[in-house]
Amino acid sequence: MAEAADELSTPLGQNTAGRTRRFRLPFTAMQALAVLLGLVLVGFAGIALFNDNPLGGEPMARVTLRNPPPAATDDKHAPAGQTAEPAVKSVAKAPAAASDAKTVTIIDGSSGKRQDVVIGAGDPAEKADGDSPPVAMTGIDPRLLEKSRYGMIPVVADGLKPFTVYAAEADRAKAARMPVVAIVVAGLGVGAAKTTDAIMKLPPAVTLAFTPYGADPGKLAERARTQRHEILLQIPMEPFDYPDNDPGPQTLLTTLSSEQNLDRLYWHLSRLQGYAGIANFMGARFVATDPVMQPIVREAAKRGLSFFDDGSTPRSVAQTLSAGQSLPFAKADFAIDAVPTSAEIDRALVKLETIAKERGTAVGVASALPVSIERLGAWLKTLDSKGIMLVPLTTAMLKSKSG
């Protein structure tokens, strides 16, 4: 009966006799491979999470550290009854190097708010201990330096003044007997190429004025002094069209208190060393404002400096205030290269000759433009034949004062 049932359920034309039933897995080969890879990843994750060695898997080397043998002693030379000192003594650890960073305070012109700003390598003298002698540039008298919070600034000491110590050499007796011309080339220190041209191409009797800006104005100023030029430091001061025309950071402003302006002055004074005096950098409004100029002139006199007015405004009060403080002073008669062409510069130099012969002393100021350096260099060679003597600015100041 069972056979009959099988025959009836078998598809027509097919014989099921002798066939075996196949066994099938509940998953495919690809599914099995995916599960295996998943287990491997879970294993690595467990190692990463629960292994306490952060460098697991990295090559490792083990080094055995042994205590050094006791230091040898020199018993032969030890006094009787005493143990000799160890032959090897411990060396004290060197102190950490001082930071090269220098922080300065910039004061807001309207509110007086102070902001500390890091500007780069500091003055070496600032890094010295309080009891250590200050470190200065070559040829700088350390007695004429005083430490401020910004660095070393000039000071009078032992009856010596920076004005007299750093004035360039000159035959002052000869200068008193004949017309003299002093030339100041200003705006130096920012461009190394033009500054070097002024230092090397102009005679030593030409006075060079440096701004406090630039990567390393002190290095260029030192080079100028090595070439026997006397130098001035220009102090940025407020012009009439400030802030549209801005002399730069730490500018002295008519809106600041005397304390704030003096604080800014100290920052400028610390930027380089070895100058015989200070000069205004721009500053037509500032030098014409008596209340703000008084503390600056008084401070310059106190520190044994001089003051050079570049003649940017006829309303300047610098000369009157300098006379009241017995401060050596000079004012430029005019800018030689106000029109920077060869013809106009030559015309200005002839005018300077005329002033020197009429008045005995003439002072011209110029920038370090290539055309200015070239025309000045050619003109200065002709002065001897014209009976005019080229002198440093300090000599012209002393002659004007004695006259």
Protein backbone atom coordinates (compact mmCIF):
# COMPACT_ATOMS: atom_id res chain seq x y z
CA MET A 1 0.00 0.00 0.00
CA ALA A 2 2.88 2.30 0.88
CA GLU A 3 4.54 1.47 -2.37
CA ALA A 4 1.34 2.28 -4.18
CA ALA A 5 1.22 5.63 -2.46
CA ASP A 6 4.80 6.38 -3.48
CA GLU A 7 4.09 5.46 -7.03
CA LEU A 8 1.10 7.74 -7.06
CA SER A 9 3.10 10.75 -5.57
CA THR A 10 6.11 10.31 -7.86
CA PRO A 11 6.20 12.77 -10.76
CA LEU A 12 5.41 11.22 -14.11
CA GLY A 13 8.47 9.75 -15.81
CA GLN A 14 10.82 9.94 -12.75
CA ASN A 15 12.11 7.02 -10.75
CA THR A 16 12.99 7.66 -7.07
CA ALA A 17 14.41 4.29 -6.38
CA GLY A 18 17.98 4.31 -4.99
CA ARG A 19 18.15 8.11 -4.37
CA THR A 20 19.63 9.45 -1.01
CA ARG A 21 18.61 12.66 0.79
CA ARG A 22 21.42 15.43 0.96
CA PHE A 23 22.42 17.31 4.24
CA ARG A 24 22.41 21.16 3.92
CA LEU A 25 24.17 23.72 6.28
CA PRO A 26 21.97 26.51 7.71
CA PHE A 27 24.44 29.25 6.37
CA THR A 28 26.59 29.90 3.32
CA ALA A 29 30.41 29.96 3.06
CA MET A 30 30.46 33.77 2.69
CA GLN A 31 28.42 34.14 5.86
CA ALA A 32 30.87 31.92 7.72
CA LEU A 33 33.84 33.98 6.51
CA ALA A 34 32.19 37.22 7.63
CA VAL A 35 31.56 35.82 11.12
CA LEU A 36 35.20 34.70 11.36
CA LEU A 37 36.51 38.15 10.42
CA GLY A 38 34.18 39.73 12.95
CA LEU A 39 35.56 37.53 15.71
CA VAL A 40 39.13 38.56 14.79
CA LEU A 41 38.23 42.26 14.95
CA VAL A 42 36.52 41.81 18.32
CA GLY A 43 39.66 40.12 19.59
CA PHE A 44 41.88 43.06 18.56
CA ALA A 45 39.45 45.55 20.09
CA GLY A 46 39.54 43.70 23.37
CA ILE A 47 43.34 43.79 23.44
CA ALA A 48 43.37 47.52 22.74
CA LEU A 49 40.79 48.28 25.45
CA PHE A 50 42.01 46.10 28.26
CA ASN A 51 45.78 45.87 27.69
CA ASP A 52 47.64 48.20 30.15
CA ASN A 53 50.69 48.57 27.86
CA PRO A 54 50.19 51.65 25.63
CA LEU A 55 53.08 50.53 23.42
CA GLY A 56 51.74 47.03 22.95
CA GLY A 57 53.03 45.54 19.74
CA GLU A 58 56.01 47.93 19.51
CA PRO A 59 59.57 46.53 19.57
CA MET A 60 60.95 46.56 23.11
CA ALA A 61 64.42 46.39 24.59
CA ARG A 62 65.28 45.69 28.19
CA VAL A 63 68.35 47.26 29.79
CA THR A 64 69.73 46.19 33.14
CA LEU A 65 70.85 49.13 35.33
CA ARG A 66 73.45 48.39 37.94
CA ASN A 67 74.59 50.65 40.75
CA PRO A 68 78.00 52.24 39.96
CA PRO A 69 80.94 51.09 42.02
CA PRO A 70 81.87 53.28 44.97
CA ALA A 71 84.07 56.23 44.11
CA ALA A 72 87.77 55.65 44.59
CA THR A 73 89.37 57.45 47.48
CA ASP A 74 92.83 58.81 47.82
CA ASP A 75 93.79 57.27 51.16
CA LYS A 76 97.47 57.87 50.64
CA HIS A 77 97.09 61.64 51.04
CA ALA A 78 94.43 61.64 53.77
CA PRO A 79 95.51 62.95 57.16
CA ALA A 80 95.91 60.36 59.89
CA GLY A 81 92.62 59.33 61.47
CA GLN A 82 90.52 60.87 58.71
CA THR A 83 88.77 59.29 55.76
CA ALA A 84 89.78 60.66 52.37
CA GLU A 85 87.28 62.55 50.26
CA PRO A 86 85.94 60.77 47.16
CA ALA A 87 88.11 61.41 44.11
CA VAL A 88 85.04 62.19 42.00
CA LYS A 89 82.79 65.02 43.14
CA SER A 90 79.26 65.76 41.96
CA VAL A 91 78.83 68.58 39.48
CA ALA A 92 76.15 71.16 40.15
CA LYS A 93 73.39 71.26 37.56
CA ALA A 94 73.63 74.28 35.26
CA PRO A 95 70.75 76.71 35.60
CA ALA A 96 68.20 76.78 32.84
CA ALA A 97 68.81 79.29 30.10
CA ALA A 98 66.91 82.50 30.40
CA SER A 99 64.06 83.04 27.99
CA ASP A 100 64.72 85.07 24.87
CA ALA A 101 61.24 86.51 24.94
CA LYS A 102 60.79 90.17 25.81
CA THR A 103 57.49 91.61 26.97
CA VAL A 104 56.64 95.26 26.46
CA THR A 105 53.58 97.21 27.46
CA ILE A 106 51.58 99.04 24.80
CA ILE A 107 49.39 101.79 26.23
CA ASP A 108 46.11 102.68 24.54
CA GLY A 109 46.19 106.32 23.46
CA SER A 110 42.62 107.12 24.53
CA SER A 111 41.96 105.03 27.62
CA GLY A 112 45.45 104.45 29.00
CA LYS A 113 44.80 100.70 29.08
CA ARG A 114 48.01 98.65 29.22
CA GLN A 115 48.59 95.50 27.18
CA ASP A 116 51.66 93.29 27.46
CA VAL A 117 53.05 92.11 24.13
CA VAL A 118 56.00 89.77 23.46
CA ILE A 119 58.23 91.31 20.76
CA GLY A 120 61.22 88.94 20.57
CA ALA A 121 64.65 88.57 22.04
CA GLY A 122 65.28 90.74 25.05
CA ASP A 123 68.22 92.87 25.98
CA PRO A 124 71.02 90.67 27.35
CA ALA A 125 71.36 93.02 30.28
CA GLU A 126 67.77 92.26 31.30
CA LYS A 127 68.63 88.60 31.72
CA ALA A 128 71.45 89.26 34.14
CA ASP A 129 70.94 89.02 37.86
CA GLY A 130 70.23 92.23 39.72
CA ASP A 131 73.74 92.34 41.16
CA SER A 132 75.48 91.55 37.86
CA PRO A 133 76.98 94.34 35.76
CA PRO A 134 74.88 95.24 32.70
CA VAL A 135 75.85 93.78 29.35
CA ALA A 136 76.12 96.44 26.64
CA MET A 137 77.17 96.90 23.03
CA THR A 138 80.78 97.34 22.09
CA GLY A 139 82.13 100.72 23.16
CA ILE A 140 79.30 101.44 25.60
CA ASP A 141 80.22 102.68 29.07
CA PRO A 142 78.25 100.47 31.51
CA ARG A 143 78.26 103.29 34.07
CA LEU A 144 75.99 105.27 31.74
CA LEU A 145 73.28 102.61 31.74
CA GLU A 146 70.33 102.16 34.05
CA LYS A 147 68.03 99.16 34.11
CA SER A 148 64.37 99.84 33.38
CA ARG A 149 61.55 97.34 33.03
CA TYR A 150 62.12 97.41 29.26
CA GLY A 151 65.92 97.18 29.23
CA MET A 152 68.96 99.41 29.64
CA ILE A 153 68.47 103.17 29.22
CA PRO A 154 70.98 106.07 29.44
CA VAL A 155 71.78 107.83 32.68
CA VAL A 156 74.28 110.38 34.03
CA ALA A 157 76.97 108.84 36.24
CA ASP A 158 80.28 109.91 37.77
CA GLY A 159 79.94 113.34 36.20
CA LEU A 160 79.72 111.79 32.71
CA LYS A 161 76.88 112.36 30.25
CA PRO A 162 76.00 110.28 27.18
CA PHE A 163 76.03 113.51 25.14
CA THR A 164 79.73 114.10 25.78
CA VAL A 165 80.85 110.46 25.93
CA TYR A 166 79.17 109.42 22.67
CA ALA A 167 79.79 112.61 20.67
CA ALA A 168 81.95 112.00 17.60
CA GLU A 169 85.48 113.37 17.56
CA ALA A 170 85.97 116.75 15.89
CA ASP A 171 88.38 119.67 15.83
CA ARG A 172 86.16 122.05 17.80
CA ALA A 173 88.78 124.78 17.96
CA LYS A 174 88.88 124.84 14.16
CA ALA A 175 85.09 124.65 13.96
CA ALA A 176 84.82 127.76 16.15
CA ARG A 177 86.81 129.77 13.59
CA MET A 178 85.03 128.87 10.33
CA PRO A 179 81.58 128.15 8.86
CA VAL A 180 80.35 124.65 9.68
CA VAL A 181 77.68 122.35 8.30
CA ALA A 182 76.12 119.41 10.13
CA ILE A 183 74.21 116.73 8.23
CA VAL A 184 71.78 114.32 9.89
CA VAL A 185 70.59 111.30 7.92
CA ALA A 186 67.41 110.10 9.61
CA GLY A 187 64.98 107.19 9.47
CA LEU A 188 67.66 104.51 9.73
CA GLY A 189 67.42 101.08 11.33
CA VAL A 190 64.39 99.72 9.48
CA GLY A 191 65.92 98.94 6.08
CA ALA A 192 69.27 97.19 6.53
CA ALA A 193 70.43 97.94 2.96
CA LYS A 194 69.82 101.68 3.01
CA THR A 195 71.15 101.94 6.57
CA THR A 196 74.35 100.16 5.54
CA ASP A 197 74.73 102.51 2.57
CA ALA A 198 74.51 105.54 4.85
CA ILE A 199 77.01 104.03 7.30
CA MET A 200 79.59 103.02 4.73
CA LYS A 201 79.26 105.63 1.97
CA LEU A 202 79.10 108.82 4.06
CA PRO A 203 82.03 110.26 6.03
CA PRO A 204 82.17 109.72 9.82
CA ALA A 205 81.31 113.37 10.53
CA VAL A 206 77.76 112.75 9.23
CA THR A 207 75.38 112.08 12.15
CA LEU A 208 73.01 109.13 11.78
CA ALA A 209 69.56 109.01 13.41
CA PHE A 210 67.91 105.64 14.06
CA THR A 211 64.24 104.83 14.58
CA PRO A 212 63.49 102.32 17.37
CA TYR A 213 61.86 99.89 14.95
CA GLY A 214 63.28 97.15 12.78
CA ALA A 215 64.41 93.62 13.54
CA ASP A 216 67.67 94.60 15.23
CA PRO A 217 68.27 98.38 15.29
CA GLY A 218 70.91 97.97 18.00
CA LYS A 219 73.13 95.88 15.73
CA LEU A 220 73.01 98.48 12.95
CA ALA A 221 73.61 101.30 15.44
CA GLU A 222 76.66 99.46 16.77
CA ARG A 223 78.00 99.16 13.24
CA ALA A 224 77.53 102.89 12.72
CA ARG A 225 79.48 103.67 15.90
CA THR A 226 82.21 101.27 14.79
CA GLN A 227 82.56 103.44 11.66
CA ARG A 228 82.92 106.49 14.01
CA HIS A 229 79.53 108.04 13.26
CA GLU A 230 77.74 109.59 16.21
CA ILE A 231 74.13 108.46 16.44
CA LEU A 232 70.77 109.78 17.61
CA LEU A 233 67.63 107.93 18.63
CA GLN A 234 64.42 109.11 16.99
CA ILE A 235 61.32 109.09 19.20
CA PRO A 236 57.99 108.63 17.34
CA MET A 237 55.66 111.53 18.18
CA GLU A 238 52.13 112.44 17.17
CA PRO A 239 51.71 114.31 13.86
CA PHE A 240 48.75 116.58 13.09
CA ASP A 241 46.95 113.94 11.00
CA TYR A 242 47.29 111.10 13.51
CA PRO A 243 46.07 108.31 13.36
CA ASP A 244 45.74 108.51 9.56
CA ASN A 245 49.49 109.14 9.61
CA ASP A 246 50.81 106.80 12.31
CA PRO A 247 54.53 106.86 13.26
CA GLY A 248 54.31 103.35 14.76
CA PRO A 249 53.93 101.45 18.06
CA GLN A 250 54.44 103.30 21.34
CA THR A 251 54.06 106.73 19.70
CA LEU A 252 54.08 109.63 22.17
CA LEU A 253 50.62 111.24 22.06
CA THR A 254 49.12 114.53 23.20
CA THR A 255 46.15 112.56 24.61
CA LEU A 256 48.30 110.59 27.05
CA SER A 257 49.32 111.58 30.55
CA SER A 258 52.94 112.50 31.23
CA GLU A 259 53.37 109.17 33.04
CA GLN A 260 52.15 107.25 30.01
CA ASN A 261 54.35 109.18 27.59
CA LEU A 262 57.40 108.71 29.83
CA ASP A 263 56.67 104.99 29.97
CA ARG A 264 56.64 104.91 26.18
CA LEU A 265 59.81 106.99 26.08
CA TYR A 266 61.59 104.41 28.25
CA TRP A 267 60.58 101.68 25.80
CA HIS A 268 62.17 103.61 22.94
CA LEU A 269 65.29 104.48 24.94
CA SER A 270 65.89 100.78 25.62
CA ARG A 271 65.88 99.74 21.95
CA LEU A 272 69.53 100.64 21.34
CA GLN A 273 72.48 102.21 23.14
CA GLY A 274 75.32 104.64 22.59
CA TYR A 275 73.35 107.61 21.26
CA ALA A 276 74.29 111.20 22.07
CA GLY A 277 70.75 112.49 21.99
CA ILE A 278 67.17 112.02 20.89
CA ALA A 279 65.18 113.50 17.99
CA ASN A 280 61.54 113.67 17.04
CA PHE A 281 60.28 111.17 14.46
CA MET A 282 57.39 113.03 12.77
CA GLY A 283 55.51 114.64 15.68
CA ALA A 284 54.48 118.08 14.34
CA ARG A 285 51.55 118.24 16.78
CA PHE A 286 53.45 116.82 19.76
CA VAL A 287 56.50 119.12 19.57
CA ALA A 288 54.18 122.12 19.29
CA THR A 289 52.29 121.22 22.49
CA ASP A 290 54.05 122.63 25.55
CA PRO A 291 52.42 120.52 28.34
CA VAL A 292 53.35 117.18 26.77
CA MET A 293 56.80 118.27 25.58
CA GLN A 294 57.94 119.57 28.97
CA PRO A 295 58.31 116.14 30.65
CA ILE A 296 60.13 114.72 27.62
CA VAL A 297 62.66 117.57 27.44
CA ARG A 298 63.14 117.45 31.21
CA GLU A 299 63.77 113.69 31.08
CA ALA A 300 66.28 114.07 28.23
CA ALA A 301 68.20 116.68 30.24
CA LYS A 302 68.09 114.50 33.34
CA ARG A 303 69.65 111.62 31.39
CA GLY A 304 72.45 113.71 29.87
CA LEU A 305 71.17 113.67 26.29
CA SER A 306 70.61 116.32 23.62
CA PHE A 307 67.56 117.10 21.49
CA PHE A 308 67.44 117.46 17.71
CA ASP A 309 64.35 119.04 16.13
CA ASP A 310 63.97 117.96 12.50
CA GLY A 311 62.12 121.18 11.68
CA SER A 312 58.84 119.49 10.82
CA THR A 313 56.87 122.43 12.26
CA PRO A 314 57.74 126.11 12.80
CA ARG A 315 55.55 126.07 15.93
CA SER A 316 57.84 123.71 17.83
CA VAL A 317 58.45 124.58 21.50
CA ALA A 318 61.48 122.28 21.74
CA GLN A 319 64.07 125.05 21.49
CA THR A 320 62.53 127.18 24.24
CA LEU A 321 62.06 124.21 26.56
CA SER A 322 65.61 122.95 25.88
CA ALA A 323 67.07 126.35 26.76
CA GLY A 324 65.18 126.26 30.06
CA GLN A 325 66.76 122.88 30.91
CA SER A 326 70.26 123.73 29.57
CA LEU A 327 69.74 120.86 27.14
CA PRO A 328 72.06 120.80 24.08
CA PHE A 329 69.81 121.56 21.11
CA ALA A 330 69.83 121.94 17.33
CA LYS A 331 67.11 122.40 14.76
CA ALA A 332 67.33 121.50 11.09
CA ASP A 333 67.18 124.47 8.75
CA PHE A 334 65.33 122.34 6.20
CA ALA A 335 65.09 118.86 4.67
CA ILE A 336 67.66 118.51 1.91
CA ASP A 337 65.66 115.94 -0.06
CA ALA A 338 62.13 117.27 0.46
CA VAL A 339 61.99 116.99 -3.35
CA PRO A 340 64.00 113.79 -3.99
CA THR A 341 65.59 114.61 -7.34
CA SER A 342 69.26 115.24 -8.07
CA ALA A 343 68.65 118.80 -9.26
CA GLU A 344 66.56 119.81 -6.22
CA ILE A 345 68.94 118.18 -3.75
CA ASP A 346 71.90 119.99 -5.30
CA ARG A 347 69.96 123.26 -5.08
CA ALA A 348 69.21 122.64 -1.39
CA LEU A 349 72.86 121.92 -0.64
CA VAL A 350 73.94 125.22 -2.20
CA LYS A 351 71.38 126.94 0.00
CA LEU A 352 72.88 125.21 3.03
CA GLU A 353 76.31 126.55 2.10
CA THR A 354 74.91 130.08 2.02
CA ILE A 355 73.36 129.73 5.49
CA ALA A 356 76.62 128.38 6.92
CA LYS A 357 78.61 131.35 5.57
CA GLU A 358 76.05 133.91 6.73
CA ARG A 359 75.28 132.51 10.17
CA GLY A 360 78.34 130.38 10.93
CA THR A 361 76.36 127.14 11.40
CA ALA A 362 73.89 125.30 9.16
CA VAL A 363 72.09 122.02 9.80
CA GLY A 364 70.45 119.87 7.13
CA VAL A 365 68.44 116.67 7.49
CA ALA A 366 68.00 114.00 4.83
CA SER A 367 66.63 110.51 4.39
CA ALA A 368 68.67 107.55 3.22
CA LEU A 369 67.29 107.48 -0.31
CA PRO A 370 69.91 106.29 -2.83
CA VAL A 371 69.77 109.64 -4.66
CA SER A 372 70.25 111.50 -1.37
CA ILE A 373 73.27 109.42 -0.37
CA GLU A 374 74.79 109.82 -3.83
CA ARG A 375 74.38 113.62 -4.01
CA LEU A 376 75.48 114.14 -0.40
CA GLY A 377 78.60 112.05 -0.95
CA ALA A 378 79.59 114.11 -3.98
CA TRP A 379 78.84 117.47 -2.32
CA LEU A 380 80.68 116.75 0.91
CA LYS A 381 83.92 116.25 -1.01
CA THR A 382 83.76 119.87 -2.19
CA LEU A 383 83.33 121.57 1.21
CA ASP A 384 87.02 122.02 2.01
CA SER A 385 87.60 123.97 -1.18
CA LYS A 386 84.67 126.24 -0.26
CA GLY A 387 86.03 127.03 3.20
CA ILE A 388 83.24 125.13 5.00
CA MET A 389 83.84 122.44 7.59
CA LEU A 390 81.65 119.33 7.95
CA VAL A 391 81.09 118.61 11.66
CA PRO A 392 79.06 116.13 13.74
CA LEU A 393 75.77 117.51 15.07
CA THR A 394 77.09 117.64 18.65
CA THR A 395 79.87 120.02 17.52
CA ALA A 396 77.31 122.26 15.82
CA MET A 397 75.23 122.24 19.02
CA LEU A 398 78.20 123.29 21.14
CA LYS A 399 79.21 126.01 18.69
CA SER A 400 75.69 127.45 18.60
CA LYS A 401 75.50 127.41 22.39
CA SER A 402 78.86 129.15 22.83
CA GLY A 403 77.95 131.70 20.15
